[in-house]
Amino acid sequence: MTNAISPADMVLFAAVVRDGGFTHAARTLGLSKQTVSERIAKLESRLGVRLLERTTRRLRTTEPGAAYYARCASIASQIEDANREVQSGHDAPVGLLRVSAPVLYGRRFLAPVVVDYLRRHPAMRVEIALADRRVDLVEEGFDLAIRVGELDDSSLTAKRLGDAHSYYVASPAFLAAHGRPTVRGLRSLPTIGMRSSETWEIGGASQKIEPVLVVNDLEAGCEAAAAGVGIARSPALVCREAVLEGRLVVLFDDETSALRPVFALYPSRRFLAAKVRVFLEALERLVAPMQPIERVVGRRGRRTRA
């Protein structure tokens, strides 16, 4: 097929953009500058699209060229990883793994996963980017991203890791002073929230509240609840330790306030690099922080799920 695009030319294009021009890419790949220039021109001709804007001083991608580069760079990275794995003599993870995750999830959950992963695979390097935004995996060069909540329609492959539980909690001292709350009684009790006005859903009933403390950090809200400031709605990932230590009590017959799925996303199921596949296995081994809280209740010491 005369118009078929060679993967080698796609890798070459990625190198030209990455290295900032024909000269540096030619030196990196051991080619002449003229050869690189001619192959890029042929690539543009076959695609029927101008990928690069050339001036005497600089080279930059066009809009379609930038999108094409993101795909080509991903392919080049997979090829490099495959070569490293073959050269290492076994299907072991090697190279750099880049992971994106929400800040809270990363702080509370990823650290032990990464420690376990690096201990098992010392040839690996890991870069974690914590951000409460949805990154573009391909465009920004991430191998994997953690997402909490329902997914948008996407061409990415998603693997469900579990569910993120949240609970209504208060300190024993708060409950001693105010008694066990009812859903309707929340309106007259001190509460902790992330907005000046919220609606809490509890067991099929809803109640609007106006928190006495508004804080945009879930960990700070949890600590305020443990200190007796008021009732908070807190993810199990945050309040688990305080509940197990007895500093917080789960309210409303252990009613879960929210149940949000947690996914690992990666660009493609085909030709999945060993470094990503093994990291996914590590995530699945260490999912305990996402499970429902287990706490000791009653005089018999019977364990139940909250």
Protein backbone atom coordinates (compact mmCIF):
# COMPACT_ATOMS: atom_id res chain seq x y z
CA MET A 1 0.00 0.00 0.00
CA THR A 2 1.78 3.13 -1.24
CA ASN A 3 0.27 5.53 1.35
CA ALA A 4 0.96 3.32 4.37
CA ILE A 5 2.63 5.20 7.22
CA SER A 6 5.75 3.58 8.63
CA PRO A 7 5.96 3.36 12.45
CA ALA A 8 9.64 4.30 12.01
CA ASP A 9 8.58 7.63 10.47
CA MET A 10 6.15 8.22 13.34
CA VAL A 11 8.99 7.64 15.82
CA LEU A 12 11.19 9.95 13.72
CA PHE A 13 8.54 12.68 13.83
CA ALA A 14 8.29 12.32 17.62
CA ALA A 15 12.07 12.68 17.89
CA VAL A 16 12.08 15.84 15.74
CA VAL A 17 9.45 17.51 17.94
CA ARG A 18 10.99 16.27 21.18
CA ASP A 19 14.51 17.38 20.22
CA GLY A 20 13.35 20.71 18.83
CA GLY A 21 14.46 20.32 15.24
CA PHE A 22 15.95 18.24 12.43
CA THR A 23 19.58 18.73 13.45
CA HIS A 24 19.29 17.40 17.00
CA ALA A 25 16.97 14.56 15.96
CA ALA A 26 19.38 13.56 13.18
CA ARG A 27 22.27 13.46 15.66
CA THR A 28 20.24 11.40 18.14
CA LEU A 29 19.14 8.88 15.52
CA GLY A 30 22.41 8.73 13.60
CA LEU A 31 20.91 10.10 10.38
CA SER A 32 21.74 13.05 8.17
CA LYS A 33 19.70 16.23 8.53
CA GLN A 34 18.67 15.96 4.88
CA THR A 35 17.36 12.42 5.38
CA VAL A 36 15.30 13.50 8.38
CA SER A 37 13.89 16.49 6.49
CA GLU A 38 12.97 14.38 3.46
CA ARG A 39 11.26 11.68 5.53
CA ILE A 40 9.18 14.25 7.43
CA ALA A 41 8.16 15.88 4.13
CA LYS A 42 7.08 12.48 2.77
CA LEU A 43 5.16 11.78 5.98
CA GLU A 44 3.25 15.06 5.62
CA SER A 45 2.56 14.25 1.97
CA ARG A 46 1.16 10.80 2.80
CA LEU A 47 -1.00 12.21 5.60
CA GLY A 48 -2.09 15.18 3.49
CA VAL A 49 -1.55 17.42 6.53
CA ARG A 50 1.12 19.96 7.43
CA LEU A 51 2.61 18.83 10.74
CA LEU A 52 5.37 21.40 11.25
CA GLU A 53 5.80 25.12 10.73
CA ARG A 54 9.40 25.85 9.75
CA THR A 55 11.24 29.18 9.99
CA THR A 56 14.95 30.01 9.86
CA ARG A 57 15.07 30.25 13.67
CA ARG A 58 12.62 27.71 15.02
CA LEU A 59 10.32 24.80 14.33
CA ARG A 60 6.92 24.28 15.90
CA THR A 61 3.98 21.92 15.45
CA THR A 62 0.75 22.91 13.76
CA GLU A 63 -2.48 22.13 15.62
CA PRO A 64 -2.90 18.72 13.91
CA GLY A 65 0.86 18.20 14.29
CA ALA A 66 0.61 18.64 18.08
CA ALA A 67 -2.17 16.03 18.30
CA TYR A 68 -0.24 13.66 16.03
CA TYR A 69 2.90 14.13 18.12
CA ALA A 70 1.08 13.02 21.29
CA ARG A 71 0.16 9.73 19.61
CA CYS A 72 3.59 9.24 18.05
CA ALA A 73 5.36 9.96 21.35
CA SER A 74 3.20 7.33 23.07
CA ILE A 75 4.10 4.76 20.39
CA ALA A 76 7.80 5.66 20.65
CA SER A 77 7.67 5.20 24.43
CA GLN A 78 6.05 1.76 24.07
CA ILE A 79 8.71 0.71 21.58
CA GLU A 80 11.48 1.84 23.93
CA ASP A 81 9.90 -0.06 26.83
CA ALA A 82 9.52 -3.20 24.70
CA ASN A 83 13.18 -3.03 23.67
CA ARG A 84 14.30 -2.62 27.29
CA GLU A 85 12.19 -5.59 28.38
CA VAL A 86 13.60 -7.82 25.63
CA GLN A 87 17.16 -6.71 26.38
CA SER A 88 16.66 -7.41 30.08
CA GLY A 89 15.98 -11.04 29.18
CA HIS A 90 12.60 -11.28 30.95
CA ASP A 91 9.19 -9.66 31.05
CA ALA A 92 10.06 -7.45 34.01
CA PRO A 93 9.11 -3.77 34.39
CA VAL A 94 11.90 -1.35 33.51
CA GLY A 95 12.16 2.38 32.88
CA LEU A 96 10.00 5.26 34.11
CA LEU A 97 6.34 4.97 35.14
CA ARG A 98 4.34 8.23 35.26
CA VAL A 99 1.12 8.16 37.30
CA SER A 100 -1.49 10.87 37.91
CA ALA A 101 -3.85 10.75 40.90
CA PRO A 102 -6.12 13.04 42.94
CA VAL A 103 -4.25 14.71 45.82
CA LEU A 104 -6.09 12.99 48.68
CA TYR A 105 -6.01 9.56 47.07
CA GLY A 106 -2.33 9.94 46.29
CA ARG A 107 -1.41 10.96 49.82
CA ARG A 108 -3.40 8.27 51.57
CA PHE A 109 -3.28 5.33 49.18
CA LEU A 110 -0.49 5.47 46.62
CA ALA A 111 2.51 5.72 48.95
CA PRO A 112 2.40 2.06 50.16
CA VAL A 113 1.65 0.88 46.61
CA VAL A 114 4.69 2.67 45.20
CA VAL A 115 6.94 1.47 48.03
CA ASP A 116 5.85 -2.13 47.38
CA TYR A 117 6.29 -1.69 43.62
CA LEU A 118 9.80 -0.22 43.83
CA ARG A 119 10.89 -2.81 46.37
CA ARG A 120 9.83 -5.63 44.05
CA HIS A 121 11.23 -3.97 40.91
CA PRO A 122 14.41 -2.00 41.65
CA ALA A 123 15.03 -1.32 37.92
CA MET A 124 11.95 0.95 37.87
CA ARG A 125 11.59 4.67 38.49
CA VAL A 126 8.20 6.18 39.36
CA GLU A 127 6.92 9.71 38.97
CA ILE A 128 3.66 10.57 40.76
CA ALA A 129 1.78 13.78 39.87
CA LEU A 130 -0.94 14.65 42.40
CA ALA A 131 -3.57 17.01 40.99
CA ASP A 132 -7.31 17.41 41.44
CA ARG A 133 -7.89 17.73 37.71
CA ARG A 134 -8.41 15.27 34.89
CA VAL A 135 -5.14 15.01 33.01
CA ASP A 136 -4.87 14.06 29.35
CA LEU A 137 -2.86 10.83 29.57
CA VAL A 138 -1.65 10.82 25.98
CA GLU A 139 -1.01 14.54 25.63
CA GLU A 140 0.78 14.85 28.99
CA GLY A 141 2.68 11.59 28.76
CA PHE A 142 1.20 9.64 31.67
CA ASP A 143 1.17 5.85 31.69
CA LEU A 144 -1.73 5.57 34.12
CA ALA A 145 -4.21 7.77 36.00
CA ILE A 146 -6.42 7.19 39.03
CA ARG A 147 -9.96 8.56 38.76
CA VAL A 148 -12.62 8.70 41.49
CA GLY A 149 -16.24 8.88 40.35
CA GLU A 150 -18.12 7.94 37.20
CA LEU A 151 -16.11 8.13 33.99
CA ASP A 152 -16.80 10.25 30.95
CA ASP A 153 -16.97 8.51 27.60
CA SER A 154 -13.38 7.79 26.75
CA SER A 155 -11.16 5.80 24.44
CA LEU A 156 -9.03 4.92 27.47
CA THR A 157 -9.08 1.49 29.09
CA ALA A 158 -10.55 1.49 32.61
CA LYS A 159 -9.97 -1.03 35.39
CA ARG A 160 -12.18 -0.73 38.46
CA LEU A 161 -10.12 -0.92 41.64
CA GLY A 162 -12.95 -0.67 44.15
CA ASP A 163 -15.32 1.85 45.71
CA ALA A 164 -14.64 4.90 47.84
CA HIS A 165 -16.97 4.92 50.88
CA SER A 166 -17.85 8.05 52.84
CA TYR A 167 -19.49 8.28 56.29
CA TYR A 168 -21.05 10.77 58.69
CA VAL A 169 -18.87 10.97 61.77
CA ALA A 170 -18.58 12.81 65.08
CA SER A 171 -16.39 12.56 68.17
CA PRO A 172 -17.50 10.71 71.34
CA ALA A 173 -17.27 14.02 73.26
CA PHE A 174 -19.58 15.72 70.75
CA LEU A 175 -22.11 12.90 71.05
CA ALA A 176 -21.92 13.02 74.85
CA ALA A 177 -22.78 16.72 74.72
CA HIS A 178 -25.45 16.64 71.99
CA GLY A 179 -26.70 13.06 71.91
CA ARG A 180 -27.10 10.86 68.84
CA PRO A 181 -28.46 13.01 66.01
CA THR A 182 -31.45 12.34 63.81
CA VAL A 183 -31.48 13.35 60.17
CA ARG A 184 -33.89 16.21 60.85
CA GLY A 185 -31.96 17.19 63.95
CA LEU A 186 -28.85 17.94 61.88
CA ARG A 187 -30.21 21.39 61.09
CA SER A 188 -29.80 22.54 64.69
CA LEU A 189 -26.42 20.87 65.30
CA PRO A 190 -22.91 22.12 64.46
CA THR A 191 -21.67 20.57 61.22
CA ILE A 192 -18.52 20.71 59.11
CA GLY A 193 -18.71 21.04 55.34
CA MET A 194 -16.94 22.17 52.21
CA ARG A 195 -19.54 24.79 51.22
CA SER A 196 -21.58 27.38 53.10
CA SER A 197 -24.73 25.39 52.34
CA GLU A 198 -24.99 21.66 51.63
CA THR A 199 -27.63 18.96 51.36
CA TRP A 200 -26.81 15.66 53.01
CA GLU A 201 -28.52 12.45 51.87
CA ILE A 202 -28.98 9.88 54.62
CA GLY A 203 -30.94 6.65 54.29
CA GLY A 204 -33.24 8.03 51.60
CA ALA A 205 -33.86 11.30 53.49
CA SER A 206 -32.20 14.62 52.79
CA GLN A 207 -31.39 17.53 55.03
CA LYS A 208 -30.01 20.95 54.18
CA ILE A 209 -27.27 22.15 56.53
CA GLU A 210 -25.29 25.35 57.04
CA PRO A 211 -21.92 24.28 58.48
CA VAL A 212 -20.35 26.17 61.37
CA LEU A 213 -16.99 25.32 59.79
CA VAL A 214 -16.40 25.43 56.05
CA VAL A 215 -13.06 23.96 54.95
CA ASN A 216 -11.91 22.90 51.48
CA ASP A 217 -9.67 20.11 52.77
CA LEU A 218 -11.20 16.76 53.77
CA GLU A 219 -8.36 15.87 56.12
CA ALA A 220 -8.75 19.15 58.00
CA GLY A 221 -12.49 18.57 58.24
CA CYS A 222 -11.92 15.10 59.67
CA GLU A 223 -9.54 16.41 62.32
CA ALA A 224 -12.01 19.16 63.26
CA ALA A 225 -14.70 16.52 63.75
CA ALA A 226 -12.33 14.46 65.95
CA ALA A 227 -11.71 17.60 68.01
CA GLY A 228 -15.45 17.92 68.66
CA VAL A 229 -16.27 20.88 66.40
CA GLY A 230 -19.22 19.15 64.74
CA ILE A 231 -20.50 16.37 62.51
CA ALA A 232 -18.59 15.82 59.26
CA ARG A 233 -19.05 13.82 56.09
CA SER A 234 -15.70 12.08 55.54
CA PRO A 235 -14.29 9.50 53.11
CA ALA A 236 -13.24 6.20 54.67
CA LEU A 237 -9.81 6.85 53.19
CA VAL A 238 -9.53 9.83 55.59
CA CYS A 239 -11.50 8.87 58.70
CA ARG A 240 -10.70 5.14 58.93
CA GLU A 241 -7.82 5.51 61.41
CA ALA A 242 -9.72 7.90 63.68
CA VAL A 243 -12.75 5.54 63.72
CA LEU A 244 -10.65 2.48 64.53
CA GLU A 245 -8.86 4.43 67.29
CA GLY A 246 -12.19 5.52 68.77
CA ARG A 247 -11.64 9.23 68.13
CA LEU A 248 -14.62 9.27 65.74
CA VAL A 249 -17.92 7.39 65.69
CA VAL A 250 -19.83 6.48 62.52
CA LEU A 251 -23.43 7.75 62.73
CA PHE A 252 -26.86 6.87 61.35
CA ASP A 253 -26.55 3.08 61.71
CA ASP A 254 -23.36 3.11 59.63
CA GLU A 255 -25.22 4.60 56.64
CA THR A 256 -22.82 5.26 53.77
CA SER A 257 -23.16 8.83 52.56
CA ALA A 258 -21.57 8.18 49.20
CA LEU A 259 -20.18 5.27 47.24
CA ARG A 260 -17.94 6.38 44.38
CA PRO A 261 -16.09 3.99 42.07
CA VAL A 262 -12.29 4.20 41.80
CA PHE A 263 -10.70 3.42 38.43
CA ALA A 264 -7.24 3.04 36.99
CA LEU A 265 -7.11 4.40 33.44
CA TYR A 266 -4.46 3.69 30.81
CA PRO A 267 -4.26 4.37 27.07
CA SER A 268 -4.60 0.88 25.62
CA ARG A 269 -5.15 -2.73 26.61
CA ARG A 270 -3.11 -3.92 23.61
CA PHE A 271 0.64 -4.19 24.05
CA LEU A 272 0.35 -3.13 27.68
CA ALA A 273 3.85 -2.45 28.98
CA ALA A 274 5.03 -4.69 31.82
CA LYS A 275 5.63 -1.62 34.01
CA VAL A 276 1.91 -0.70 33.78
CA ARG A 277 0.58 -4.25 34.06
CA VAL A 278 2.64 -4.97 37.19
CA PHE A 279 1.68 -1.62 38.78
CA LEU A 280 -1.99 -2.47 38.24
CA GLU A 281 -1.38 -5.75 40.07
CA ALA A 282 0.22 -3.81 42.93
CA LEU A 283 -2.83 -1.52 43.12
CA GLU A 284 -5.13 -4.55 43.36
CA ARG A 285 -3.05 -6.11 46.16
CA LEU A 286 -3.27 -3.01 48.33
CA VAL A 287 -6.91 -1.90 48.17
CA ALA A 288 -7.63 -2.12 51.93
CA PRO A 289 -7.94 1.65 52.48
CA MET A 290 -10.88 1.71 50.04
CA GLN A 291 -12.84 -1.04 51.77
CA PRO A 292 -15.68 -0.32 54.22
CA ILE A 293 -14.47 0.52 57.70
CA GLU A 294 -14.37 -2.38 60.15
CA ARG A 295 -14.86 -1.42 63.74
CA VAL A 296 -15.39 -3.17 67.06
CA VAL A 297 -18.91 -2.77 68.46
CA GLY A 298 -20.75 -4.20 71.43
CA ARG A 299 -19.41 -5.99 74.47
CA ARG A 300 -18.72 -9.21 72.58
CA GLY A 301 -16.13 -7.53 70.38
CA ARG A 302 -18.04 -8.58 67.28
CA ARG A 303 -16.55 -6.99 64.14
CA THR A 304 -18.95 -5.38 61.70
CA ARG A 305 -18.59 -3.30 58.56
CA ALA A 306 -19.38 0.39 58.77
